[in-house]
Amino acid sequence: AVEAALSARCSPVVVVTGHMREQVEAALAGLPVRFVHNPAHGDGLSTSLRAGIGALPQSVEAAVVCLGDMPRVTGRLVSALIGAFNPTEGRSIVVPTHAGKRGNPVLWGREFFAEMRELAGDVGAKGLIGRHDDVLAEVELADDASLVDVDTPEALRAVTGAAA
């Protein structure tokens, strides 16, 4: 996820840590990222989303919310989302799709940050998309990279073909 964001020239890249904080920071040592620890990570995904959004500088006009468990997301995919973002043309939320299914990461314009900071529990910002579909842009992808997440080392090996 970090390599995809960096190769798409996202800046800053904020990494929210929770479980296994030290291991995550060690794995990303030397990369130009800012770490923000979320001590409330056990309270659900919304707490990490709030921590990440809260760590962004005022100069940021949008954020690409990447999930750390989606190893097939590439810089090219992230760049496609950024390229589709244009709030003046009504494209303030940009979502990748494949075969009619919406995936991740999702690009959010700054105007949604306040609503994202109000989320609670084990939910991301998916519910906000339905409330703002008038400014939604979908980017159709040729593959299912935006739909594939992994939850175990075995699933990672199956997806990447590499040792986890």
N, C-alpha and C. Protein backbone atom coordinates (compact mmCIF):
# COMPACT_ATOMS: atom_id res chain seq x y z
N ALA A 1 0.83 -1.20 0.00
CA ALA A 1 0.00 0.00 0.00
C ALA A 1 0.87 1.25 0.00
N VAL A 2 1.91 1.24 0.81
CA VAL A 2 2.80 2.40 0.88
C VAL A 2 3.54 2.57 -0.43
N GLU A 3 4.05 1.49 -0.98
CA GLU A 3 4.77 1.59 -2.26
C GLU A 3 3.86 2.10 -3.36
N ALA A 4 2.60 1.68 -3.38
CA ALA A 4 1.65 2.16 -4.39
C ALA A 4 1.43 3.65 -4.23
N ALA A 5 1.23 4.11 -3.02
CA ALA A 5 1.01 5.54 -2.77
C ALA A 5 2.24 6.36 -3.15
N LEU A 6 3.41 5.87 -2.78
CA LEU A 6 4.63 6.60 -3.10
C LEU A 6 4.89 6.64 -4.60
N SER A 7 4.65 5.53 -5.29
CA SER A 7 4.91 5.52 -6.73
C SER A 7 3.91 6.38 -7.49
N ALA A 8 2.75 6.65 -6.88
CA ALA A 8 1.76 7.55 -7.49
C ALA A 8 2.05 9.00 -7.09
N ARG A 9 3.12 9.22 -6.37
CA ARG A 9 3.57 10.54 -5.93
C ARG A 9 2.60 11.21 -4.96
N CYS A 10 1.95 10.39 -4.15
CA CYS A 10 1.11 10.96 -3.09
C CYS A 10 2.03 11.60 -2.04
N SER A 11 1.61 12.73 -1.53
CA SER A 11 2.41 13.40 -0.51
C SER A 11 1.51 14.32 0.31
N PRO A 12 1.55 14.16 1.61
CA PRO A 12 2.33 13.20 2.37
C PRO A 12 1.67 11.82 2.35
N VAL A 13 2.45 10.81 2.68
CA VAL A 13 1.90 9.47 2.88
C VAL A 13 1.88 9.24 4.39
N VAL A 14 0.69 9.08 4.91
CA VAL A 14 0.49 8.89 6.35
C VAL A 14 0.13 7.42 6.57
N VAL A 15 0.88 6.77 7.44
CA VAL A 15 0.63 5.37 7.77
C VAL A 15 0.07 5.32 9.19
N VAL A 16 -1.14 4.81 9.32
CA VAL A 16 -1.76 4.67 10.64
C VAL A 16 -1.44 3.29 11.17
N THR A 17 -0.83 3.25 12.33
CA THR A 17 -0.49 1.97 12.95
C THR A 17 -1.45 1.68 14.09
N GLY A 18 -1.54 0.43 14.41
CA GLY A 18 -2.36 -0.02 15.53
C GLY A 18 -1.73 -1.27 16.05
N HIS A 19 -2.33 -2.42 15.74
CA HIS A 19 -1.79 -3.72 16.10
C HIS A 19 -0.43 -3.90 15.43
N MET A 20 0.53 -4.41 16.16
CA MET A 20 1.89 -4.68 15.65
C MET A 20 2.58 -3.40 15.15
N ARG A 21 2.39 -2.33 15.88
CA ARG A 21 2.95 -1.03 15.52
C ARG A 21 4.45 -1.11 15.20
N GLU A 22 5.21 -1.71 16.10
CA GLU A 22 6.67 -1.75 15.93
C GLU A 22 7.07 -2.50 14.67
N GLN A 23 6.39 -3.60 14.37
CA GLN A 23 6.72 -4.38 13.18
C GLN A 23 6.39 -3.61 11.90
N VAL A 24 5.28 -2.90 11.90
CA VAL A 24 4.90 -2.11 10.73
C VAL A 24 5.92 -1.00 10.51
N GLU A 25 6.26 -0.28 11.58
CA GLU A 25 7.23 0.80 11.45
C GLU A 25 8.59 0.28 11.01
N ALA A 26 9.00 -0.88 11.51
CA ALA A 26 10.27 -1.46 11.10
C ALA A 26 10.24 -1.87 9.62
N ALA A 27 9.12 -2.43 9.17
CA ALA A 27 9.01 -2.86 7.78
C ALA A 27 9.07 -1.68 6.81
N LEU A 28 8.65 -0.51 7.28
CA LEU A 28 8.61 0.67 6.41
C LEU A 28 9.74 1.66 6.71
N ALA A 29 10.69 1.24 7.55
CA ALA A 29 11.80 2.11 7.91
C ALA A 29 12.53 2.59 6.66
N GLY A 30 12.85 3.86 6.65
CA GLY A 30 13.58 4.43 5.54
C GLY A 30 12.71 4.99 4.42
N LEU A 31 11.42 4.68 4.45
CA LEU A 31 10.52 5.21 3.43
C LEU A 31 10.01 6.58 3.87
N PRO A 32 9.74 7.48 2.93
CA PRO A 32 9.30 8.83 3.30
C PRO A 32 7.82 8.88 3.68
N VAL A 33 7.53 8.36 4.86
CA VAL A 33 6.16 8.32 5.36
C VAL A 33 6.11 8.94 6.75
N ARG A 34 4.92 9.34 7.14
CA ARG A 34 4.68 9.83 8.49
C ARG A 34 3.84 8.78 9.21
N PHE A 35 4.29 8.36 10.38
CA PHE A 35 3.54 7.39 11.16
C PHE A 35 2.65 8.11 12.16
N VAL A 36 1.42 7.61 12.29
CA VAL A 36 0.49 8.09 13.28
C VAL A 36 -0.05 6.85 13.97
N HIS A 37 0.17 6.77 15.27
CA HIS A 37 -0.32 5.59 15.99
C HIS A 37 -1.75 5.81 16.45
N ASN A 38 -2.56 4.78 16.29
CA ASN A 38 -3.95 4.79 16.73
C ASN A 38 -4.09 3.83 17.92
N PRO A 39 -4.00 4.34 19.14
CA PRO A 39 -4.11 3.45 20.30
C PRO A 39 -5.50 2.84 20.45
N ALA A 40 -6.50 3.40 19.78
CA ALA A 40 -7.87 2.90 19.88
C ALA A 40 -8.22 1.97 18.71
N HIS A 41 -7.22 1.41 18.05
CA HIS A 41 -7.47 0.57 16.86
C HIS A 41 -8.43 -0.58 17.15
N GLY A 42 -8.48 -1.06 18.35
CA GLY A 42 -9.38 -2.14 18.71
C GLY A 42 -10.85 -1.74 18.68
N ASP A 43 -11.11 -0.44 18.62
CA ASP A 43 -12.49 0.05 18.59
C ASP A 43 -13.05 0.10 17.17
N GLY A 44 -12.27 -0.27 16.19
CA GLY A 44 -12.78 -0.37 14.84
C GLY A 44 -12.07 0.50 13.82
N LEU A 45 -12.36 0.20 12.57
CA LEU A 45 -11.74 0.86 11.42
C LEU A 45 -11.91 2.37 11.44
N SER A 46 -13.04 2.86 11.92
CA SER A 46 -13.29 4.30 11.92
C SER A 46 -12.23 5.07 12.70
N THR A 47 -11.69 4.46 13.75
CA THR A 47 -10.69 5.15 14.57
C THR A 47 -9.40 5.36 13.79
N SER A 48 -9.03 4.40 12.96
CA SER A 48 -7.83 4.55 12.14
C SER A 48 -8.06 5.57 11.03
N LEU A 49 -9.23 5.56 10.45
CA LEU A 49 -9.57 6.54 9.43
C LEU A 49 -9.52 7.95 10.01
N ARG A 50 -10.09 8.13 11.19
CA ARG A 50 -10.05 9.45 11.84
C ARG A 50 -8.62 9.87 12.15
N ALA A 51 -7.80 8.95 12.61
CA ALA A 51 -6.41 9.28 12.93
C ALA A 51 -5.65 9.72 11.67
N GLY A 52 -5.85 9.01 10.58
CA GLY A 52 -5.16 9.35 9.34
C GLY A 52 -5.61 10.68 8.77
N ILE A 53 -6.91 10.89 8.70
CA ILE A 53 -7.44 12.15 8.18
C ILE A 53 -7.01 13.31 9.07
N GLY A 54 -7.01 13.09 10.37
CA GLY A 54 -6.61 14.13 11.31
C GLY A 54 -5.15 14.52 11.22
N ALA A 55 -4.33 13.64 10.67
CA ALA A 55 -2.89 13.90 10.56
C ALA A 55 -2.51 14.64 9.28
N LEU A 56 -3.47 14.86 8.40
CA LEU A 56 -3.16 15.53 7.13
C LEU A 56 -3.06 17.03 7.31
N PRO A 57 -2.12 17.66 6.62
CA PRO A 57 -2.01 19.12 6.70
C PRO A 57 -3.19 19.80 6.00
N GLN A 58 -3.46 21.04 6.38
CA GLN A 58 -4.55 21.81 5.79
C GLN A 58 -4.40 22.00 4.29
N SER A 59 -3.19 21.91 3.78
CA SER A 59 -2.94 22.14 2.35
C SER A 59 -3.39 20.99 1.46
N VAL A 60 -3.71 19.85 2.04
CA VAL A 60 -4.11 18.68 1.27
C VAL A 60 -5.53 18.87 0.76
N GLU A 61 -5.72 18.71 -0.55
CA GLU A 61 -7.06 18.89 -1.11
C GLU A 61 -7.85 17.59 -1.21
N ALA A 62 -7.17 16.46 -1.06
CA ALA A 62 -7.84 15.15 -1.12
C ALA A 62 -6.94 14.11 -0.46
N ALA A 63 -7.54 12.97 -0.16
CA ALA A 63 -6.78 11.86 0.42
C ALA A 63 -7.20 10.57 -0.28
N VAL A 64 -6.21 9.75 -0.58
CA VAL A 64 -6.47 8.41 -1.10
C VAL A 64 -6.36 7.48 0.11
N VAL A 65 -7.47 6.88 0.50
CA VAL A 65 -7.48 6.00 1.66
C VAL A 65 -7.18 4.59 1.18
N CYS A 66 -5.96 4.16 1.49
CA CYS A 66 -5.49 2.83 1.08
C CYS A 66 -5.55 1.89 2.28
N LEU A 67 -5.88 0.65 2.02
CA LEU A 67 -5.91 -0.37 3.06
C LEU A 67 -4.63 -1.19 2.97
N GLY A 68 -4.09 -1.53 4.12
CA GLY A 68 -2.82 -2.25 4.15
C GLY A 68 -2.91 -3.71 3.76
N ASP A 69 -4.11 -4.23 3.56
CA ASP A 69 -4.25 -5.66 3.27
C ASP A 69 -4.65 -5.93 1.82
N MET A 70 -4.24 -5.03 0.92
CA MET A 70 -4.59 -5.17 -0.50
C MET A 70 -3.31 -5.12 -1.34
N PRO A 71 -2.57 -6.23 -1.38
CA PRO A 71 -1.24 -6.23 -2.00
C PRO A 71 -1.21 -6.05 -3.52
N ARG A 72 -2.34 -6.17 -4.19
CA ARG A 72 -2.33 -6.04 -5.64
C ARG A 72 -2.62 -4.62 -6.12
N VAL A 73 -2.91 -3.71 -5.18
CA VAL A 73 -3.11 -2.31 -5.54
C VAL A 73 -1.75 -1.73 -5.93
N THR A 74 -1.71 -1.07 -7.07
CA THR A 74 -0.45 -0.53 -7.61
C THR A 74 -0.48 0.99 -7.67
N GLY A 75 0.69 1.54 -7.91
CA GLY A 75 0.78 2.98 -8.13
C GLY A 75 -0.03 3.41 -9.33
N ARG A 76 -0.09 2.58 -10.32
CA ARG A 76 -0.87 2.90 -11.53
C ARG A 76 -2.36 3.03 -11.19
N LEU A 77 -2.86 2.15 -10.34
CA LEU A 77 -4.26 2.23 -9.91
C LEU A 77 -4.50 3.52 -9.13
N VAL A 78 -3.62 3.82 -8.19
CA VAL A 78 -3.75 5.05 -7.39
C VAL A 78 -3.67 6.27 -8.29
N SER A 79 -2.77 6.26 -9.25
CA SER A 79 -2.65 7.38 -10.19
C SER A 79 -3.92 7.57 -11.02
N ALA A 80 -4.57 6.47 -11.38
CA ALA A 80 -5.83 6.56 -12.13
C ALA A 80 -6.90 7.26 -11.31
N LEU A 81 -6.95 6.98 -10.02
CA LEU A 81 -7.92 7.66 -9.15
C LEU A 81 -7.62 9.15 -9.07
N ILE A 82 -6.35 9.47 -8.89
CA ILE A 82 -5.94 10.87 -8.81
C ILE A 82 -6.27 11.60 -10.12
N GLY A 83 -6.04 10.94 -11.23
CA GLY A 83 -6.31 11.54 -12.53
C GLY A 83 -7.78 11.82 -12.77
N ALA A 84 -8.66 11.05 -12.13
CA ALA A 84 -10.10 11.24 -12.31
C ALA A 84 -10.67 12.29 -11.35
N PHE A 85 -9.92 12.66 -10.34
CA PHE A 85 -10.39 13.62 -9.34
C PHE A 85 -10.47 15.02 -9.94
N ASN A 86 -11.65 15.61 -9.87
CA ASN A 86 -11.84 16.98 -10.34
C ASN A 86 -13.12 17.54 -9.71
N PRO A 87 -12.98 18.16 -8.53
CA PRO A 87 -14.16 18.66 -7.83
C PRO A 87 -14.95 19.68 -8.63
N THR A 88 -14.30 20.50 -9.44
CA THR A 88 -15.04 21.50 -10.20
C THR A 88 -15.93 20.86 -11.26
N GLU A 89 -15.62 19.63 -11.64
CA GLU A 89 -16.45 18.88 -12.59
C GLU A 89 -17.33 17.85 -11.91
N GLY A 90 -17.43 17.94 -10.57
CA GLY A 90 -18.32 17.04 -9.84
C GLY A 90 -17.74 15.68 -9.55
N ARG A 91 -16.41 15.58 -9.49
CA ARG A 91 -15.76 14.30 -9.18
C ARG A 91 -14.89 14.46 -7.93
N SER A 92 -15.56 14.49 -6.76
CA SER A 92 -14.86 14.70 -5.49
C SER A 92 -14.60 13.41 -4.73
N ILE A 93 -15.28 12.34 -5.12
CA ILE A 93 -15.03 11.00 -4.57
C ILE A 93 -14.74 10.12 -5.78
N VAL A 94 -13.63 9.40 -5.73
CA VAL A 94 -13.27 8.55 -6.87
C VAL A 94 -13.05 7.13 -6.37
N VAL A 95 -13.79 6.20 -6.99
CA VAL A 95 -13.80 4.80 -6.56
C VAL A 95 -13.41 3.90 -7.72
N PRO A 96 -12.51 2.94 -7.49
CA PRO A 96 -12.22 1.97 -8.54
C PRO A 96 -13.33 0.92 -8.61
N THR A 97 -13.61 0.44 -9.81
CA THR A 97 -14.60 -0.62 -9.97
C THR A 97 -14.04 -1.70 -10.88
N HIS A 98 -14.60 -2.87 -10.73
CA HIS A 98 -14.27 -3.99 -11.62
C HIS A 98 -15.52 -4.85 -11.73
N ALA A 99 -15.95 -5.08 -12.94
CA ALA A 99 -17.13 -5.92 -13.20
C ALA A 99 -18.34 -5.47 -12.38
N GLY A 100 -18.51 -4.16 -12.26
CA GLY A 100 -19.65 -3.62 -11.56
C GLY A 100 -19.54 -3.54 -10.05
N LYS A 101 -18.40 -3.96 -9.48
CA LYS A 101 -18.21 -3.93 -8.03
C LYS A 101 -17.24 -2.82 -7.66
N ARG A 102 -17.59 -2.06 -6.63
CA ARG A 102 -16.72 -1.01 -6.14
C ARG A 102 -15.68 -1.59 -5.20
N GLY A 103 -14.47 -1.03 -5.31
CA GLY A 103 -13.37 -1.53 -4.49
C GLY A 103 -12.65 -0.43 -3.75
N ASN A 104 -11.40 -0.68 -3.45
CA ASN A 104 -10.52 0.23 -2.72
C ASN A 104 -9.18 0.30 -3.45
N PRO A 105 -8.43 1.34 -3.24
CA PRO A 105 -8.64 2.48 -2.36
C PRO A 105 -9.67 3.46 -2.93
N VAL A 106 -10.07 4.41 -2.09
CA VAL A 106 -11.01 5.44 -2.51
C VAL A 106 -10.37 6.79 -2.27
N LEU A 107 -10.53 7.68 -3.24
CA LEU A 107 -10.03 9.05 -3.11
C LEU A 107 -11.17 9.93 -2.63
N TRP A 108 -10.90 10.73 -1.60
CA TRP A 108 -11.90 11.60 -0.98
C TRP A 108 -11.43 13.04 -1.02
N GLY A 109 -12.25 13.93 -1.52
CA GLY A 109 -11.96 15.35 -1.47
C GLY A 109 -12.04 15.86 -0.04
N ARG A 110 -11.31 16.92 0.23
CA ARG A 110 -11.25 17.51 1.58
C ARG A 110 -12.64 17.81 2.15
N GLU A 111 -13.61 18.13 1.32
CA GLU A 111 -14.92 18.50 1.84
C GLU A 111 -15.60 17.37 2.62
N PHE A 112 -15.07 16.14 2.54
CA PHE A 112 -15.64 15.01 3.25
C PHE A 112 -14.88 14.66 4.53
N PHE A 113 -13.76 15.32 4.78
CA PHE A 113 -12.95 14.99 5.94
C PHE A 113 -13.72 15.16 7.25
N ALA A 114 -14.52 16.20 7.37
CA ALA A 114 -15.28 16.42 8.62
C ALA A 114 -16.25 15.27 8.87
N GLU A 115 -16.94 14.82 7.84
CA GLU A 115 -17.85 13.68 8.00
C GLU A 115 -17.09 12.41 8.35
N MET A 116 -15.91 12.25 7.78
CA MET A 116 -15.11 11.06 8.07
C MET A 116 -14.65 11.05 9.53
N ARG A 117 -14.40 12.24 10.07
CA ARG A 117 -13.97 12.33 11.47
C ARG A 117 -15.11 12.02 12.43
N GLU A 118 -16.35 12.01 11.95
CA GLU A 118 -17.50 11.71 12.80
C GLU A 118 -17.88 10.23 12.81
N LEU A 119 -17.26 9.43 11.97
CA LEU A 119 -17.58 8.00 11.91
C LEU A 119 -17.19 7.31 13.21
N ALA A 120 -17.90 6.26 13.56
CA ALA A 120 -17.62 5.51 14.78
C ALA A 120 -17.79 4.02 14.51
N GLY A 121 -17.09 3.23 15.29
CA GLY A 121 -17.22 1.78 15.21
C GLY A 121 -16.34 1.16 14.14
N ASP A 122 -16.68 -0.07 13.79
CA ASP A 122 -15.87 -0.82 12.84
C ASP A 122 -16.40 -0.62 11.42
N VAL A 123 -16.44 0.65 11.01
CA VAL A 123 -16.89 0.99 9.67
C VAL A 123 -15.91 1.97 9.05
N GLY A 124 -15.78 1.87 7.75
CA GLY A 124 -15.01 2.86 7.03
C GLY A 124 -15.96 3.92 6.51
N ALA A 125 -15.55 4.60 5.47
CA ALA A 125 -16.33 5.70 4.93
C ALA A 125 -17.28 5.27 3.81
N LYS A 126 -17.42 3.96 3.61
CA LYS A 126 -18.26 3.45 2.52
C LYS A 126 -19.68 4.04 2.55
N GLY A 127 -20.24 4.18 3.72
CA GLY A 127 -21.59 4.72 3.83
C GLY A 127 -21.72 6.15 3.32
N LEU A 128 -20.62 6.88 3.38
CA LEU A 128 -20.65 8.26 2.89
C LEU A 128 -20.81 8.32 1.37
N ILE A 129 -20.35 7.30 0.68
CA ILE A 129 -20.45 7.29 -0.78
C ILE A 129 -21.90 7.40 -1.21
N GLY A 130 -22.77 6.63 -0.59
CA GLY A 130 -24.19 6.67 -0.94
C GLY A 130 -24.83 8.02 -0.70
N ARG A 131 -24.36 8.73 0.31
CA ARG A 131 -24.91 10.05 0.61
C ARG A 131 -24.42 11.12 -0.36
N HIS A 132 -23.35 10.81 -1.09
CA HIS A 132 -22.74 11.81 -1.96
C HIS A 132 -22.52 11.29 -3.37
N ASP A 133 -23.41 10.44 -3.84
CA ASP A 133 -23.21 9.85 -5.17
C ASP A 133 -23.29 10.87 -6.31
N ASP A 134 -23.75 12.09 -5.99
CA ASP A 134 -23.79 13.14 -7.01
C ASP A 134 -22.40 13.65 -7.37
N VAL A 135 -21.40 13.37 -6.53
CA VAL A 135 -20.02 13.80 -6.82
C VAL A 135 -19.08 12.59 -6.91
N LEU A 136 -19.66 11.44 -7.23
CA LEU A 136 -18.91 10.19 -7.31
C LEU A 136 -18.47 9.91 -8.74
N ALA A 137 -17.20 9.55 -8.89
CA ALA A 137 -16.68 9.10 -10.17
C ALA A 137 -16.17 7.68 -9.99
N GLU A 138 -16.52 6.82 -10.91
CA GLU A 138 -16.03 5.44 -10.88
C GLU A 138 -14.99 5.26 -11.97
N VAL A 139 -13.90 4.59 -11.62
CA VAL A 139 -12.83 4.29 -12.57
C VAL A 139 -12.84 2.78 -12.78
N GLU A 140 -13.26 2.36 -13.97
CA GLU A 140 -13.33 0.92 -14.27
C GLU A 140 -11.92 0.38 -14.51
N LEU A 141 -11.61 -0.72 -13.86
CA LEU A 141 -10.30 -1.36 -13.98
C LEU A 141 -10.41 -2.67 -14.75
N ALA A 142 -9.34 -3.01 -15.42
CA ALA A 142 -9.33 -4.25 -16.20
C ALA A 142 -9.19 -5.49 -15.32
N ASP A 143 -8.61 -5.31 -14.12
CA ASP A 143 -8.43 -6.47 -13.24
C ASP A 143 -9.12 -6.23 -11.90
N ASP A 144 -9.06 -7.23 -11.03
CA ASP A 144 -9.77 -7.18 -9.75
C ASP A 144 -8.89 -6.75 -8.58
N ALA A 145 -7.77 -6.09 -8.85
CA ALA A 145 -6.85 -5.70 -7.78
C ALA A 145 -7.52 -4.88 -6.69
N SER A 146 -8.50 -4.06 -7.05
CA SER A 146 -9.17 -3.20 -6.07
C SER A 146 -10.18 -3.96 -5.21
N LEU A 147 -10.38 -5.23 -5.51
CA LEU A 147 -11.35 -6.04 -4.77
C LEU A 147 -10.70 -7.10 -3.90
N VAL A 148 -9.40 -7.32 -4.07
CA VAL A 148 -8.72 -8.43 -3.41
C VAL A 148 -8.01 -7.95 -2.15
N ASP A 149 -8.50 -8.41 -0.99
CA ASP A 149 -7.78 -8.15 0.25
C ASP A 149 -7.37 -9.49 0.85
N VAL A 150 -6.39 -9.43 1.72
CA VAL A 150 -5.88 -10.66 2.33
C VAL A 150 -5.93 -10.52 3.85
N ASP A 151 -6.28 -11.61 4.50
CA ASP A 151 -6.41 -11.58 5.95
C ASP A 151 -5.49 -12.56 6.67
N THR A 152 -4.81 -13.42 5.92
CA THR A 152 -3.92 -14.40 6.53
C THR A 152 -2.65 -14.53 5.70
N PRO A 153 -1.57 -15.04 6.30
CA PRO A 153 -0.36 -15.29 5.51
C PRO A 153 -0.61 -16.25 4.35
N GLU A 154 -1.50 -17.22 4.54
CA GLU A 154 -1.81 -18.16 3.47
C GLU A 154 -2.49 -17.45 2.30
N ALA A 155 -3.40 -16.54 2.61
CA ALA A 155 -4.08 -15.78 1.57
C ALA A 155 -3.09 -14.88 0.84
N LEU A 156 -2.13 -14.32 1.56
CA LEU A 156 -1.11 -13.49 0.91
C LEU A 156 -0.27 -14.32 -0.05
N ARG A 157 0.12 -15.51 0.36
CA ARG A 157 0.89 -16.40 -0.52
C ARG A 157 0.08 -16.74 -1.76
N ALA A 158 -1.21 -17.00 -1.58
CA ALA A 158 -2.06 -17.36 -2.72
C ALA A 158 -2.20 -16.21 -3.71
N VAL A 159 -2.27 -14.98 -3.21
CA VAL A 159 -2.45 -13.81 -4.05
C VAL A 159 -1.15 -13.39 -4.75
N THR A 160 -0.05 -13.44 -4.00
CA THR A 160 1.22 -12.94 -4.54
C THR A 160 2.13 -14.03 -5.07
N GLY A 161 1.89 -15.25 -4.65
CA GLY A 161 2.77 -16.34 -5.05
C GLY A 161 4.11 -16.31 -4.35
N ALA A 162 4.23 -15.47 -3.32
CA ALA A 162 5.49 -15.32 -2.59
C ALA A 162 5.33 -15.82 -1.17
N ALA A 163 6.46 -16.04 -0.53
CA ALA A 163 6.45 -16.43 0.88
C ALA A 163 6.05 -15.23 1.72
N ALA A 164 5.19 -15.46 2.69
CA ALA A 164 4.74 -14.36 3.56
C ALA A 164 5.48 -14.38 4.88
